[in-house]
Amino acid sequence: MRMSRNRGFTLIELMVTLAVVAVLLSAGVPSFSAMIKNNRLVTENYALRTVLSAARSEAQTQRTTVTVCRSANAIDCSSGDWGVGYMAFIDLDDDGQLDNDEQLLQSREQNTQGIAISYNQVGAGTTLRFDSNGTALGSNGTFTFCDDRGASDARGLIVTAVGAVRAAVASEDEDSTHIVQDHTGNDVSCL
């Protein structure tokens, strides 16, 4: 009579396999976490860029002023972190507030999951206004997108005086800090 031999893993083989898997996971999880954070920053950057570009286009199409402002409720403009939300509307009376006779174009209420969005602009105010030519009426500046990693991983959007919206990039100088730069050519900061 032949005895069949059980083929399987021994306890030692199983423990070695689990140790190898644990080492591989510990190496991969931090980079996966960074990838998720980068994707969140890019997503928020693109979402705001889309609203700004659409607002500028609508101002030119409708031949009127369009205002983009921070708003947590898509009804009132407010100051503070743009990460809670924002809205774009046709601003017929140029008062920077959405009135009953004015049209809401787009709004975004959000939970940015640890992303702070700030707007540093030339001149005073917390709103961005595009006139009928698409010009950013004294509202040019830089939107900065930061998470818990700080300025070294921040993203930025620059709104030029003529109303164009472009990505902020880092300087390529040999003395560069590799931090994206704002509309004045200085490194962005995260507070």
C-alpha atoms as a PDB file:
ATOM      1  CA  MET A   1       0.000   0.000   0.000  1.00  0.00           C
ATOM      2  CA  ARG A   2       1.266   3.388  -0.964  1.00  0.00           C
ATOM      3  CA  MET A   3       0.938   6.277   1.365  1.00  0.00           C
ATOM      4  CA  SER A   4       0.122   9.601  -0.192  1.00  0.00           C
ATOM      5  CA  ARG A   5       2.076  12.503   0.996  1.00  0.00           C
ATOM      6  CA  ASN A   6       0.246  15.757   1.830  1.00  0.00           C
ATOM      7  CA  ARG A   7       1.560  18.610  -0.146  1.00  0.00           C
ATOM      8  CA  GLY A   8       1.194  21.972   1.522  1.00  0.00           C
ATOM      9  CA  PHE A   9       3.056  24.705   3.306  1.00  0.00           C
ATOM     10  CA  THR A  10       4.858  24.208   6.514  1.00  0.00           C
ATOM     11  CA  LEU A  11       4.465  26.743   9.253  1.00  0.00           C
ATOM     12  CA  ILE A  12       7.969  28.069   8.573  1.00  0.00           C
ATOM     13  CA  GLU A  13       7.260  28.507   4.854  1.00  0.00           C
ATOM     14  CA  LEU A  14       4.049  30.360   5.640  1.00  0.00           C
ATOM     15  CA  MET A  15       5.825  32.689   8.093  1.00  0.00           C
ATOM     16  CA  VAL A  16       8.592  33.465   5.572  1.00  0.00           C
ATOM     17  CA  THR A  17       5.999  34.219   2.882  1.00  0.00           C
ATOM     18  CA  LEU A  18       4.083  36.547   5.223  1.00  0.00           C
ATOM     19  CA  ALA A  19       7.309  38.329   6.190  1.00  0.00           C
ATOM     20  CA  VAL A  20       8.161  38.928   2.507  1.00  0.00           C
ATOM     21  CA  VAL A  21       4.642  40.237   1.826  1.00  0.00           C
ATOM     22  CA  ALA A  22       4.869  42.568   4.852  1.00  0.00           C
ATOM     23  CA  VAL A  23       8.180  44.005   3.640  1.00  0.00           C
ATOM     24  CA  LEU A  24       6.794  44.581   0.136  1.00  0.00           C
ATOM     25  CA  LEU A  25       3.665  46.279   1.491  1.00  0.00           C
ATOM     26  CA  SER A  26       5.646  48.526   3.825  1.00  0.00           C
ATOM     27  CA  ALA A  27       7.678  49.737   0.852  1.00  0.00           C
ATOM     28  CA  GLY A  28       4.646  50.327  -1.384  1.00  0.00           C
ATOM     29  CA  VAL A  29       2.103  51.916   0.976  1.00  0.00           C
ATOM     30  CA  PRO A  30       3.908  55.275   1.494  1.00  0.00           C
ATOM     31  CA  SER A  31       4.278  55.836  -2.244  1.00  0.00           C
ATOM     32  CA  PHE A  32       0.631  54.870  -2.759  1.00  0.00           C
ATOM     33  CA  SER A  33      -0.393  57.378  -0.087  1.00  0.00           C
ATOM     34  CA  ALA A  34       1.633  60.116  -1.810  1.00  0.00           C
ATOM     35  CA  MET A  35       0.012  59.220  -5.132  1.00  0.00           C
ATOM     36  CA  ILE A  36      -3.470  59.578  -3.612  1.00  0.00           C
ATOM     37  CA  LYS A  37      -2.579  62.977  -2.113  1.00  0.00           C
ATOM     38  CA  ASN A  38      -1.121  64.160  -5.434  1.00  0.00           C
ATOM     39  CA  ASN A  39      -4.265  63.049  -7.264  1.00  0.00           C
ATOM     40  CA  ARG A  40      -6.464  64.954  -4.798  1.00  0.00           C
ATOM     41  CA  LEU A  41      -4.435  68.143  -5.326  1.00  0.00           C
ATOM     42  CA  VAL A  42      -4.572  67.761  -9.100  1.00  0.00           C
ATOM     43  CA  THR A  43      -8.321  67.044  -9.026  1.00  0.00           C
ATOM     44  CA  GLU A  44      -9.056  70.188  -7.016  1.00  0.00           C
ATOM     45  CA  ASN A  45      -6.722  72.189  -9.246  1.00  0.00           C
ATOM     46  CA  TYR A  46      -8.507  71.027 -12.408  1.00  0.00           C
ATOM     47  CA  ALA A  47     -11.968  71.554 -10.896  1.00  0.00           C
ATOM     48  CA  LEU A  48     -11.229  75.201 -10.081  1.00  0.00           C
ATOM     49  CA  ARG A  49      -9.476  75.728 -13.410  1.00  0.00           C
ATOM     50  CA  THR A  50     -12.579  74.456 -15.201  1.00  0.00           C
ATOM     51  CA  VAL A  51     -14.837  76.879 -13.304  1.00  0.00           C
ATOM     52  CA  LEU A  52     -12.491  79.825 -13.941  1.00  0.00           C
ATOM     53  CA  SER A  53     -12.174  79.062 -17.649  1.00  0.00           C
ATOM     54  CA  ALA A  54     -15.924  78.623 -18.000  1.00  0.00           C
ATOM     55  CA  ALA A  55     -16.554  81.903 -16.129  1.00  0.00           C
ATOM     56  CA  ARG A  56     -14.180  83.789 -18.405  1.00  0.00           C
ATOM     57  CA  SER A  57     -15.745  82.257 -21.495  1.00  0.00           C
ATOM     58  CA  GLU A  58     -19.253  83.082 -20.272  1.00  0.00           C
ATOM     59  CA  ALA A  59     -18.250  86.700 -19.587  1.00  0.00           C
ATOM     60  CA  GLN A  60     -17.046  87.012 -23.168  1.00  0.00           C
ATOM     61  CA  THR A  61     -20.060  85.209 -24.622  1.00  0.00           C
ATOM     62  CA  GLN A  62     -22.674  87.119 -22.593  1.00  0.00           C
ATOM     63  CA  ARG A  63     -20.726  90.417 -22.844  1.00  0.00           C
ATOM     64  CA  THR A  64     -21.110  91.026 -19.124  1.00  0.00           C
ATOM     65  CA  THR A  65     -19.219  90.702 -15.831  1.00  0.00           C
ATOM     66  CA  VAL A  66     -18.904  87.256 -14.275  1.00  0.00           C
ATOM     67  CA  THR A  67     -17.794  86.932 -10.662  1.00  0.00           C
ATOM     68  CA  VAL A  68     -16.150  83.883  -9.096  1.00  0.00           C
ATOM     69  CA  CYS A  69     -16.038  83.830  -5.313  1.00  0.00           C
ATOM     70  CA  ARG A  70     -15.546  81.528  -2.374  1.00  0.00           C
ATOM     71  CA  SER A  71     -18.870  80.185  -1.157  1.00  0.00           C
ATOM     72  CA  ALA A  72     -19.815  77.372   1.177  1.00  0.00           C
ATOM     73  CA  ASN A  73     -23.494  77.421   0.200  1.00  0.00           C
ATOM     74  CA  ALA A  74     -23.625  78.543  -3.464  1.00  0.00           C
ATOM     75  CA  ILE A  75     -25.722  81.538  -2.380  1.00  0.00           C
ATOM     76  CA  ASP A  76     -23.400  84.027  -0.684  1.00  0.00           C
ATOM     77  CA  CYS A  77     -19.801  85.040  -1.308  1.00  0.00           C
ATOM     78  CA  SER A  78     -17.556  84.877   1.734  1.00  0.00           C
ATOM     79  CA  SER A  79     -13.898  85.177   2.648  1.00  0.00           C
ATOM     80  CA  GLY A  80     -11.532  82.458   3.775  1.00  0.00           C
ATOM     81  CA  ASP A  81     -10.422  79.087   2.484  1.00  0.00           C
ATOM     82  CA  TRP A  82     -11.670  78.373  -1.021  1.00  0.00           C
ATOM     83  CA  GLY A  83     -11.542  74.677  -0.177  1.00  0.00           C
ATOM     84  CA  VAL A  84     -15.103  74.737   1.183  1.00  0.00           C
ATOM     85  CA  GLY A  85     -16.488  75.677  -2.214  1.00  0.00           C
ATOM     86  CA  TYR A  86     -16.925  78.431  -4.743  1.00  0.00           C
ATOM     87  CA  MET A  87     -19.380  79.711  -7.306  1.00  0.00           C
ATOM     88  CA  ALA A  88     -19.475  81.634 -10.570  1.00  0.00           C
ATOM     89  CA  PHE A  89     -22.368  83.904 -11.504  1.00  0.00           C
ATOM     90  CA  ILE A  90     -23.336  86.674 -13.882  1.00  0.00           C
ATOM     91  CA  ASP A  91     -22.904  89.847 -11.855  1.00  0.00           C
ATOM     92  CA  LEU A  92     -25.167  92.394 -13.580  1.00  0.00           C
ATOM     93  CA  ASP A  93     -24.694  95.140 -10.969  1.00  0.00           C
ATOM     94  CA  ASP A  94     -20.973  94.446 -10.329  1.00  0.00           C
ATOM     95  CA  ASP A  95     -21.503  94.224  -6.568  1.00  0.00           C
ATOM     96  CA  GLY A  96     -19.758  90.876  -6.100  1.00  0.00           C
ATOM     97  CA  GLN A  97     -22.868  89.220  -4.641  1.00  0.00           C
ATOM     98  CA  LEU A  98     -25.366  86.865  -6.255  1.00  0.00           C
ATOM     99  CA  ASP A  99     -28.690  88.715  -6.394  1.00  0.00           C
ATOM    100  CA  ASN A 100     -32.148  87.355  -7.256  1.00  0.00           C
ATOM    101  CA  ASP A 101     -32.036  88.653 -10.837  1.00  0.00           C
ATOM    102  CA  GLU A 102     -28.549  87.221 -11.526  1.00  0.00           C
ATOM    103  CA  GLN A 103     -27.778  83.790 -12.922  1.00  0.00           C
ATOM    104  CA  LEU A 104     -25.680  81.210 -11.048  1.00  0.00           C
ATOM    105  CA  LEU A 105     -23.433  79.573 -13.651  1.00  0.00           C
ATOM    106  CA  GLN A 106     -21.553  76.981 -11.621  1.00  0.00           C
ATOM    107  CA  SER A 107     -20.966  76.117  -8.019  1.00  0.00           C
ATOM    108  CA  ARG A 108     -18.909  73.594  -6.144  1.00  0.00           C
ATOM    109  CA  GLU A 109     -19.532  72.740  -2.529  1.00  0.00           C
ATOM    110  CA  GLN A 110     -16.918  70.338  -1.326  1.00  0.00           C
ATOM    111  CA  ASN A 111     -15.018  68.581   1.332  1.00  0.00           C
ATOM    112  CA  THR A 112     -11.469  68.775   0.052  1.00  0.00           C
ATOM    113  CA  GLN A 113     -10.209  66.103   2.439  1.00  0.00           C
ATOM    114  CA  GLY A 114      -7.356  68.042   3.973  1.00  0.00           C
ATOM    115  CA  ILE A 115      -6.658  70.378   1.059  1.00  0.00           C
ATOM    116  CA  ALA A 116      -6.506  74.111   1.754  1.00  0.00           C
ATOM    117  CA  ILE A 117      -7.092  76.429  -1.198  1.00  0.00           C
ATOM    118  CA  SER A 118      -6.038  80.050  -0.830  1.00  0.00           C
ATOM    119  CA  TYR A 119      -6.152  82.957  -3.256  1.00  0.00           C
ATOM    120  CA  ASN A 120      -3.405  85.565  -3.204  1.00  0.00           C
ATOM    121  CA  GLN A 121      -4.338  88.363  -5.564  1.00  0.00           C
ATOM    122  CA  VAL A 122      -3.117  91.750  -6.657  1.00  0.00           C
ATOM    123  CA  GLY A 123      -5.304  94.404  -5.091  1.00  0.00           C
ATOM    124  CA  ALA A 124      -7.970  94.043  -2.462  1.00  0.00           C
ATOM    125  CA  GLY A 125     -10.904  91.701  -2.329  1.00  0.00           C
ATOM    126  CA  THR A 126     -11.693  88.026  -2.193  1.00  0.00           C
ATOM    127  CA  THR A 127     -13.485  87.637  -5.516  1.00  0.00           C
ATOM    128  CA  LEU A 128     -12.329  87.165  -9.058  1.00  0.00           C
ATOM    129  CA  ARG A 129     -14.148  89.133 -11.740  1.00  0.00           C
ATOM    130  CA  PHE A 130     -14.007  88.761 -15.514  1.00  0.00           C
ATOM    131  CA  ASP A 131     -15.297  91.607 -17.696  1.00  0.00           C
ATOM    132  CA  SER A 132     -16.942  91.305 -21.119  1.00  0.00           C
ATOM    133  CA  ASN A 133     -13.523  90.980 -22.766  1.00  0.00           C
ATOM    134  CA  GLY A 134     -12.480  88.163 -20.413  1.00  0.00           C
ATOM    135  CA  THR A 135     -10.045  90.392 -18.557  1.00  0.00           C
ATOM    136  CA  ALA A 136      -9.525  89.684 -14.857  1.00  0.00           C
ATOM    137  CA  LEU A 137     -10.580  93.073 -13.501  1.00  0.00           C
ATOM    138  CA  GLY A 138      -7.694  93.778 -11.126  1.00  0.00           C
ATOM    139  CA  SER A 139      -8.159  90.258  -9.841  1.00  0.00           C
ATOM    140  CA  ASN A 140      -5.060  88.572 -11.148  1.00  0.00           C
ATOM    141  CA  GLY A 141      -3.320  86.367  -8.624  1.00  0.00           C
ATOM    142  CA  THR A 142      -2.499  82.818  -7.608  1.00  0.00           C
ATOM    143  CA  PHE A 143      -4.623  80.026  -6.188  1.00  0.00           C
ATOM    144  CA  THR A 144      -2.521  77.727  -4.013  1.00  0.00           C
ATOM    145  CA  PHE A 145      -3.535  74.146  -3.226  1.00  0.00           C
ATOM    146  CA  CYS A 146      -1.848  72.717  -0.114  1.00  0.00           C
ATOM    147  CA  ASP A 147      -2.126  69.575   1.966  1.00  0.00           C
ATOM    148  CA  ASP A 148      -0.326  68.375   5.087  1.00  0.00           C
ATOM    149  CA  ARG A 149       2.951  67.991   3.157  1.00  0.00           C
ATOM    150  CA  GLY A 150       3.374  71.770   2.809  1.00  0.00           C
ATOM    151  CA  ALA A 151       4.689  73.983   0.030  1.00  0.00           C
ATOM    152  CA  SER A 152       7.100  71.397  -1.355  1.00  0.00           C
ATOM    153  CA  ASP A 153       4.142  69.454  -2.803  1.00  0.00           C
ATOM    154  CA  ALA A 154       1.730  72.357  -3.369  1.00  0.00           C
ATOM    155  CA  ARG A 155       0.038  73.087  -6.689  1.00  0.00           C
ATOM    156  CA  GLY A 156      -0.982  76.459  -8.040  1.00  0.00           C
ATOM    157  CA  LEU A 157      -3.138  78.215 -10.614  1.00  0.00           C
ATOM    158  CA  ILE A 158      -2.199  81.645 -11.883  1.00  0.00           C
ATOM    159  CA  VAL A 159      -4.834  84.025 -13.211  1.00  0.00           C
ATOM    160  CA  THR A 160      -3.157  86.666 -15.370  1.00  0.00           C
ATOM    161  CA  ALA A 161      -4.320  90.264 -15.769  1.00  0.00           C
ATOM    162  CA  VAL A 162      -5.779  89.414 -19.183  1.00  0.00           C
ATOM    163  CA  GLY A 163      -7.818  86.622 -17.574  1.00  0.00           C
ATOM    164  CA  ALA A 164      -5.862  83.615 -18.788  1.00  0.00           C
ATOM    165  CA  VAL A 165      -5.589  80.725 -16.336  1.00  0.00           C
ATOM    166  CA  ARG A 166      -2.422  78.631 -16.262  1.00  0.00           C
ATOM    167  CA  ALA A 167      -0.686  76.173 -13.980  1.00  0.00           C
ATOM    168  CA  ALA A 168       1.959  77.511 -11.632  1.00  0.00           C
ATOM    169  CA  VAL A 169       5.338  75.875 -12.192  1.00  0.00           C
ATOM    170  CA  ALA A 170       8.582  75.663 -10.264  1.00  0.00           C
ATOM    171  CA  SER A 171      11.619  77.621 -11.339  1.00  0.00           C
ATOM    172  CA  GLU A 172      14.267  75.649 -13.194  1.00  0.00           C
ATOM    173  CA  ASP A 173      17.175  77.734 -11.874  1.00  0.00           C
ATOM    174  CA  GLU A 174      20.098  75.874 -10.347  1.00  0.00           C
ATOM    175  CA  ASP A 175      19.241  77.517  -7.007  1.00  0.00           C
ATOM    176  CA  SER A 176      15.585  76.500  -7.314  1.00  0.00           C
ATOM    177  CA  THR A 177      13.692  75.127  -4.324  1.00  0.00           C
ATOM    178  CA  HIS A 178      11.448  73.170  -6.731  1.00  0.00           C
ATOM    179  CA  ILE A 179       8.390  74.807  -5.170  1.00  0.00           C
ATOM    180  CA  VAL A 180       5.794  76.197  -7.582  1.00  0.00           C
ATOM    181  CA  GLN A 181       5.899  79.952  -7.968  1.00  0.00           C
ATOM    182  CA  ASP A 182       3.081  82.454  -7.726  1.00  0.00           C
ATOM    183  CA  HIS A 183       2.168  85.281 -10.102  1.00  0.00           C
ATOM    184  CA  THR A 184       4.976  87.452  -8.704  1.00  0.00           C
ATOM    185  CA  GLY A 185       7.675  84.812  -9.222  1.00  0.00           C
ATOM    186  CA  ASN A 186       7.974  83.895  -5.528  1.00  0.00           C
ATOM    187  CA  ASP A 187       7.567  80.418  -4.048  1.00  0.00           C
ATOM    188  CA  VAL A 188       4.023  79.693  -2.874  1.00  0.00           C
ATOM    189  CA  SER A 189       3.537  79.179   0.832  1.00  0.00           C
ATOM    190  CA  CYS A 190       1.171  76.991   2.783  1.00  0.00           C
ATOM    191  CA  LEU A 191      -0.117  78.295   6.091  1.00  0.00           C
END
